[in-house]
Amino acid sequence: MQRTSRFQLVEDDFESVNRQTASLAGLAVALFLVVVGLYLVHALHQKTRVEDCLLAGRLNCDSLVAAIGGSARRPIR
């Protein structure tokens, strides 16, 4: 029969806590990367829509920019 001391149990508890902390940190990093990736995809999609409008030769692309949420520049009269 193997005897374990209470110091061995304390070391096992620390290892368990360290493993949980590392797992939570990894999950936080993965979640952060997903959020940043979704933001980049959304921003690139908006810029692609404006660029497609300009490449099509349209003149009213400023309304598309305003609808997306950007600042449409108005000519000074």
N, C-alpha and C. Protein backbone atom coordinates (compact mmCIF):
# COMPACT_ATOMS: atom_id res chain seq x y z
N MET A 1 0.83 -1.17 0.00
CA MET A 1 0.00 0.00 0.00
C MET A 1 0.88 1.24 0.00
N GLN A 2 0.55 2.16 -0.88
CA GLN A 2 1.38 3.36 -1.01
C GLN A 2 0.82 4.46 -0.13
N ARG A 3 1.73 5.09 0.57
CA ARG A 3 1.31 6.17 1.45
C ARG A 3 1.64 7.49 0.79
N THR A 4 0.72 8.41 0.88
CA THR A 4 0.97 9.74 0.34
C THR A 4 0.98 10.74 1.48
N SER A 5 1.88 11.65 1.39
CA SER A 5 1.94 12.67 2.43
C SER A 5 1.05 13.84 2.03
N ARG A 6 0.79 14.70 2.96
CA ARG A 6 -0.07 15.85 2.64
C ARG A 6 0.66 16.83 1.75
N PHE A 7 2.01 16.79 1.74
CA PHE A 7 2.75 17.67 0.85
C PHE A 7 2.57 17.24 -0.60
N GLN A 8 2.45 15.96 -0.83
CA GLN A 8 2.20 15.45 -2.18
C GLN A 8 0.83 15.92 -2.67
N LEU A 9 -0.15 15.93 -1.79
CA LEU A 9 -1.48 16.38 -2.18
C LEU A 9 -1.48 17.88 -2.50
N VAL A 10 -0.72 18.66 -1.77
CA VAL A 10 -0.64 20.09 -2.03
C VAL A 10 0.00 20.34 -3.39
N GLU A 11 1.05 19.59 -3.73
CA GLU A 11 1.69 19.73 -5.05
C GLU A 11 0.73 19.38 -6.16
N ASP A 12 -0.06 18.35 -5.98
CA ASP A 12 -1.05 17.96 -6.98
C ASP A 12 -2.10 19.06 -7.16
N ASP A 13 -2.50 19.69 -6.06
CA ASP A 13 -3.47 20.78 -6.15
C ASP A 13 -2.89 21.96 -6.93
N PHE A 14 -1.63 22.30 -6.69
CA PHE A 14 -0.99 23.39 -7.42
C PHE A 14 -0.90 23.07 -8.90
N GLU A 15 -0.57 21.84 -9.23
CA GLU A 15 -0.50 21.45 -10.64
C GLU A 15 -1.87 21.56 -11.30
N SER A 16 -2.89 21.16 -10.58
CA SER A 16 -4.25 21.25 -11.12
C SER A 16 -4.65 22.71 -11.35
N VAL A 17 -4.34 23.57 -10.40
CA VAL A 17 -4.67 25.00 -10.55
C VAL A 17 -3.88 25.61 -11.69
N ASN A 18 -2.61 25.26 -11.81
CA ASN A 18 -1.79 25.79 -12.90
C ASN A 18 -2.31 25.32 -14.25
N ARG A 19 -2.76 24.09 -14.32
CA ARG A 19 -3.29 23.55 -15.57
C ARG A 19 -4.58 24.27 -15.95
N GLN A 20 -5.44 24.54 -14.97
CA GLN A 20 -6.69 25.26 -15.22
C GLN A 20 -6.41 26.69 -15.66
N THR A 21 -5.45 27.34 -15.02
CA THR A 21 -5.09 28.71 -15.39
C THR A 21 -4.56 28.76 -16.81
N ALA A 22 -3.71 27.82 -17.16
CA ALA A 22 -3.18 27.79 -18.52
C ALA A 22 -4.28 27.52 -19.54
N SER A 23 -5.22 26.68 -19.20
CA SER A 23 -6.34 26.40 -20.10
C SER A 23 -7.21 27.63 -20.30
N LEU A 24 -7.50 28.34 -19.24
CA LEU A 24 -8.30 29.56 -19.35
C LEU A 24 -7.57 30.64 -20.13
N ALA A 25 -6.28 30.76 -19.95
CA ALA A 25 -5.50 31.74 -20.71
C ALA A 25 -5.51 31.38 -22.19
N GLY A 26 -5.38 30.11 -22.51
CA GLY A 26 -5.44 29.68 -23.90
C GLY A 26 -6.80 29.94 -24.52
N LEU A 27 -7.85 29.72 -23.76
CA LEU A 27 -9.20 29.99 -24.24
C LEU A 27 -9.40 31.49 -24.48
N ALA A 28 -8.89 32.32 -23.59
CA ALA A 28 -9.01 33.77 -23.75
C ALA A 28 -8.27 34.25 -25.00
N VAL A 29 -7.09 33.71 -25.24
CA VAL A 29 -6.32 34.09 -26.43
C VAL A 29 -7.04 33.65 -27.69
N ALA A 30 -7.58 32.45 -27.69
CA ALA A 30 -8.31 31.96 -28.86
C ALA A 30 -9.56 32.80 -29.12
N LEU A 31 -10.27 33.17 -28.07
CA LEU A 31 -11.46 34.00 -28.23
C LEU A 31 -11.09 35.39 -28.76
N PHE A 32 -10.01 35.95 -28.26
CA PHE A 32 -9.53 37.24 -28.74
C PHE A 32 -9.19 37.18 -30.22
N LEU A 33 -8.52 36.12 -30.66
CA LEU A 33 -8.16 35.98 -32.07
C LEU A 33 -9.40 35.83 -32.95
N VAL A 34 -10.41 35.15 -32.46
CA VAL A 34 -11.65 35.00 -33.23
C VAL A 34 -12.33 36.36 -33.39
N VAL A 35 -12.39 37.14 -32.31
CA VAL A 35 -13.04 38.46 -32.37
C VAL A 35 -12.28 39.38 -33.32
N VAL A 36 -10.96 39.40 -33.24
CA VAL A 36 -10.15 40.23 -34.14
C VAL A 36 -10.33 39.78 -35.59
N GLY A 37 -10.36 38.48 -35.81
CA GLY A 37 -10.57 37.96 -37.17
C GLY A 37 -11.92 38.35 -37.73
N LEU A 38 -12.97 38.28 -36.93
CA LEU A 38 -14.30 38.69 -37.39
C LEU A 38 -14.35 40.17 -37.70
N TYR A 39 -13.69 40.98 -36.88
CA TYR A 39 -13.64 42.42 -37.14
C TYR A 39 -12.93 42.70 -38.47
N LEU A 40 -11.81 42.03 -38.71
CA LEU A 40 -11.07 42.24 -39.96
C LEU A 40 -11.89 41.82 -41.17
N VAL A 41 -12.58 40.70 -41.06
CA VAL A 41 -13.42 40.24 -42.18
C VAL A 41 -14.51 41.26 -42.47
N HIS A 42 -15.13 41.78 -41.42
CA HIS A 42 -16.19 42.77 -41.60
C HIS A 42 -15.64 44.06 -42.23
N ALA A 43 -14.51 44.55 -41.75
CA ALA A 43 -13.92 45.78 -42.28
C ALA A 43 -13.50 45.60 -43.73
N LEU A 44 -12.90 44.47 -44.06
CA LEU A 44 -12.48 44.22 -45.45
C LEU A 44 -13.68 44.08 -46.37
N HIS A 45 -14.76 43.51 -45.88
CA HIS A 45 -15.97 43.39 -46.70
C HIS A 45 -16.54 44.77 -47.02
N GLN A 46 -16.54 45.66 -46.05
CA GLN A 46 -17.03 47.01 -46.31
C GLN A 46 -16.17 47.74 -47.33
N LYS A 47 -14.87 47.62 -47.20
CA LYS A 47 -13.97 48.29 -48.13
C LYS A 47 -14.09 47.69 -49.53
N THR A 48 -14.35 46.41 -49.62
CA THR A 48 -14.54 45.76 -50.91
C THR A 48 -15.79 46.28 -51.60
N ARG A 49 -16.86 46.49 -50.85
CA ARG A 49 -18.10 47.02 -51.44
C ARG A 49 -17.87 48.41 -52.03
N VAL A 50 -17.16 49.27 -51.32
CA VAL A 50 -16.88 50.61 -51.82
C VAL A 50 -15.98 50.54 -53.05
N GLU A 51 -14.97 49.69 -52.98
CA GLU A 51 -14.05 49.57 -54.11
C GLU A 51 -14.76 49.03 -55.35
N ASP A 52 -15.63 48.06 -55.17
CA ASP A 52 -16.40 47.54 -56.30
C ASP A 52 -17.28 48.62 -56.91
N CYS A 53 -17.85 49.46 -56.06
CA CYS A 53 -18.68 50.55 -56.55
C CYS A 53 -17.84 51.52 -57.39
N LEU A 54 -16.68 51.86 -56.90
CA LEU A 54 -15.81 52.79 -57.64
C LEU A 54 -15.31 52.17 -58.94
N LEU A 55 -14.96 50.90 -58.91
CA LEU A 55 -14.46 50.25 -60.12
C LEU A 55 -15.56 50.07 -61.17
N ALA A 56 -16.81 50.06 -60.74
CA ALA A 56 -17.92 49.95 -61.68
C ALA A 56 -18.18 51.27 -62.38
N GLY A 57 -17.52 52.32 -61.96
CA GLY A 57 -17.67 53.61 -62.62
C GLY A 57 -18.84 54.42 -62.10
N ARG A 58 -19.38 54.05 -60.99
CA ARG A 58 -20.51 54.80 -60.43
C ARG A 58 -20.02 56.09 -59.79
N LEU A 59 -20.89 57.06 -59.75
CA LEU A 59 -20.52 58.36 -59.19
C LEU A 59 -21.12 58.60 -57.81
N ASN A 60 -22.04 57.77 -57.38
CA ASN A 60 -22.71 57.98 -56.10
C ASN A 60 -22.23 57.02 -55.02
N CYS A 61 -20.98 56.70 -55.00
CA CYS A 61 -20.45 55.76 -54.00
C CYS A 61 -20.38 56.38 -52.62
N ASP A 62 -20.47 57.71 -52.54
CA ASP A 62 -20.45 58.35 -51.23
C ASP A 62 -21.69 57.97 -50.41
N SER A 63 -22.80 57.70 -51.08
CA SER A 63 -23.99 57.26 -50.34
C SER A 63 -23.77 55.87 -49.76
N LEU A 64 -23.01 55.04 -50.47
CA LEU A 64 -22.68 53.71 -49.96
C LEU A 64 -21.78 53.83 -48.74
N VAL A 65 -20.82 54.73 -48.78
CA VAL A 65 -19.92 54.94 -47.65
C VAL A 65 -20.71 55.46 -46.45
N ALA A 66 -21.65 56.38 -46.69
CA ALA A 66 -22.46 56.91 -45.60
C ALA A 66 -23.37 55.84 -45.01
N ALA A 67 -23.87 54.95 -45.88
CA ALA A 67 -24.74 53.88 -45.39
C ALA A 67 -23.96 52.87 -44.55
N ILE A 68 -22.71 52.67 -44.89
CA ILE A 68 -21.86 51.74 -44.14
C ILE A 68 -21.50 52.31 -42.78
N GLY A 69 -21.39 53.62 -42.70
CA GLY A 69 -21.07 54.23 -41.42
C GLY A 69 -19.84 55.09 -41.47
N GLY A 70 -19.24 55.22 -42.63
CA GLY A 70 -18.09 56.08 -42.77
C GLY A 70 -18.51 57.52 -42.95
N SER A 71 -17.55 58.38 -43.02
CA SER A 71 -17.89 59.80 -43.20
C SER A 71 -17.82 60.13 -44.68
N ALA A 72 -18.93 60.50 -45.25
CA ALA A 72 -18.98 60.88 -46.66
C ALA A 72 -18.53 62.34 -46.77
N ARG A 73 -17.60 62.61 -47.62
CA ARG A 73 -17.11 63.97 -47.80
C ARG A 73 -18.03 64.70 -48.79
N ARG A 74 -18.46 65.87 -48.37
CA ARG A 74 -19.32 66.68 -49.22
C ARG A 74 -18.48 67.81 -49.80
N PRO A 75 -18.70 68.14 -51.04
CA PRO A 75 -17.95 69.26 -51.63
C PRO A 75 -18.36 70.58 -50.99
N ILE A 76 -17.39 71.43 -50.82
CA ILE A 76 -17.63 72.77 -50.26
C ILE A 76 -18.11 73.67 -51.38
N ARG A 77 -19.22 74.38 -51.15
CA ARG A 77 -19.77 75.26 -52.20
C ARG A 77 -19.54 76.69 -51.85
